Amino acid sequence: MKAIKKIRRQIIEHPDARESHTLVRLVLALESEQEFRLQELYELDHNLFRIALDLLDEWRLDRYYTSKGQLLDIAMAAAEARTGQA
């Protein structure tokens, strides 16, 4: 399974997990070309860290455009839900 799908699944299955919030911020930063603190990646467990690195690689490839859009939709919804809870 590709990193984009793995991260989408992580966010959907564990929307309140700290790791999911980190991944949401990463996705939104990639899409909006904003800064992202690399320290946040280092705080992920090793498996999610590797998946996040794979995401960086996949993000650059146009052939994953549909999957990127689906992941972006999930990340934006998760970010909005978190903001609404604060």
Protein backbone atom coordinates (compact mmCIF):
# COMPACT_ATOMS: atom_id res chain seq x y z
CA MET A 1 0.00 0.00 0.00
CA LYS A 2 1.27 3.45 -0.84
CA ALA A 3 2.14 5.97 1.86
CA ILE A 4 -0.70 8.26 0.84
CA LYS A 5 -3.23 5.50 1.49
CA LYS A 6 -1.55 4.44 4.74
CA ILE A 7 -1.63 7.98 6.09
CA ARG A 8 -5.23 8.44 4.99
CA ARG A 9 -6.12 5.25 6.86
CA GLN A 10 -4.19 6.41 9.97
CA ILE A 11 -6.09 9.71 10.03
CA ILE A 12 -9.48 8.05 9.51
CA GLU A 13 -8.95 5.25 12.03
CA HIS A 14 -7.21 7.36 14.70
CA PRO A 15 -8.45 10.94 14.23
CA ASP A 16 -7.61 12.00 17.79
CA ALA A 17 -4.12 10.48 17.97
CA ARG A 18 -1.18 12.86 18.31
CA GLU A 19 0.50 11.10 15.37
CA SER A 20 -2.54 11.72 13.16
CA HIS A 21 -2.47 15.42 14.02
CA THR A 22 1.20 15.54 13.02
CA LEU A 23 0.43 13.82 9.72
CA VAL A 24 -2.47 16.19 9.08
CA ARG A 25 -0.15 19.17 9.58
CA LEU A 26 2.40 17.58 7.24
CA VAL A 27 -0.18 17.02 4.48
CA LEU A 28 -1.56 20.53 4.80
CA ALA A 29 1.94 22.01 4.79
CA LEU A 30 2.84 20.07 1.64
CA GLU A 31 -0.30 21.16 -0.15
CA SER A 32 -0.07 24.82 0.87
CA GLU A 33 3.72 24.95 0.54
CA GLN A 34 3.99 26.20 4.11
CA GLU A 35 6.70 25.46 6.64
CA PHE A 36 6.64 22.26 8.69
CA ARG A 37 8.89 21.59 11.66
CA LEU A 38 10.94 18.47 10.95
CA GLN A 39 11.13 17.83 14.70
CA GLU A 40 7.49 16.76 14.51
CA LEU A 41 8.47 13.90 12.19
CA TYR A 42 11.16 12.74 14.60
CA GLU A 43 8.54 12.48 17.33
CA LEU A 44 6.55 9.89 15.34
CA ASP A 45 7.12 6.21 16.01
CA HIS A 46 9.54 4.61 13.56
CA ASN A 47 6.87 3.05 11.34
CA LEU A 48 4.92 6.30 10.88
CA PHE A 49 8.19 8.20 10.44
CA ARG A 50 9.10 5.91 7.50
CA ILE A 51 5.61 6.30 6.03
CA ALA A 52 5.89 10.10 6.34
CA LEU A 53 9.21 10.01 4.48
CA ASP A 54 7.62 7.86 1.80
CA LEU A 55 4.80 10.40 1.58
CA LEU A 56 7.31 13.14 0.81
CA ASP A 57 8.59 11.05 -2.06
CA GLU A 58 5.13 10.16 -3.38
CA TRP A 59 3.86 13.73 -3.07
CA ARG A 60 6.18 14.79 -5.85
CA LEU A 61 4.71 12.29 -8.32
CA ASP A 62 1.74 13.40 -10.42
CA ARG A 63 0.43 9.86 -10.90
CA TYR A 64 -0.89 9.88 -7.35
CA TYR A 65 -2.95 13.01 -7.95
CA THR A 66 -6.31 11.37 -7.13
CA SER A 67 -4.96 9.77 -3.96
CA LYS A 68 -3.39 13.08 -2.97
CA GLY A 69 -6.75 14.79 -3.34
CA GLN A 70 -8.47 12.19 -1.19
CA LEU A 71 -5.78 12.48 1.49
CA LEU A 72 -5.98 16.26 1.40
CA ASP A 73 -9.76 16.12 1.88
CA ILE A 74 -9.35 13.85 4.93
CA ALA A 75 -6.58 16.01 6.38
CA MET A 76 -8.59 19.20 5.97
CA ALA A 77 -11.65 17.63 7.58
CA ALA A 78 -9.54 16.36 10.48
CA ALA A 79 -7.95 19.78 10.96
CA GLU A 80 -11.36 21.46 10.95
CA ALA A 81 -12.73 18.93 13.43
CA ARG A 82 -9.78 19.53 15.75
CA THR A 83 -10.24 23.30 15.52
CA GLY A 84 -13.92 22.90 16.34
CA GLN A 85 -13.03 20.90 19.46
CA ALA A 86 -10.63 23.51 20.81
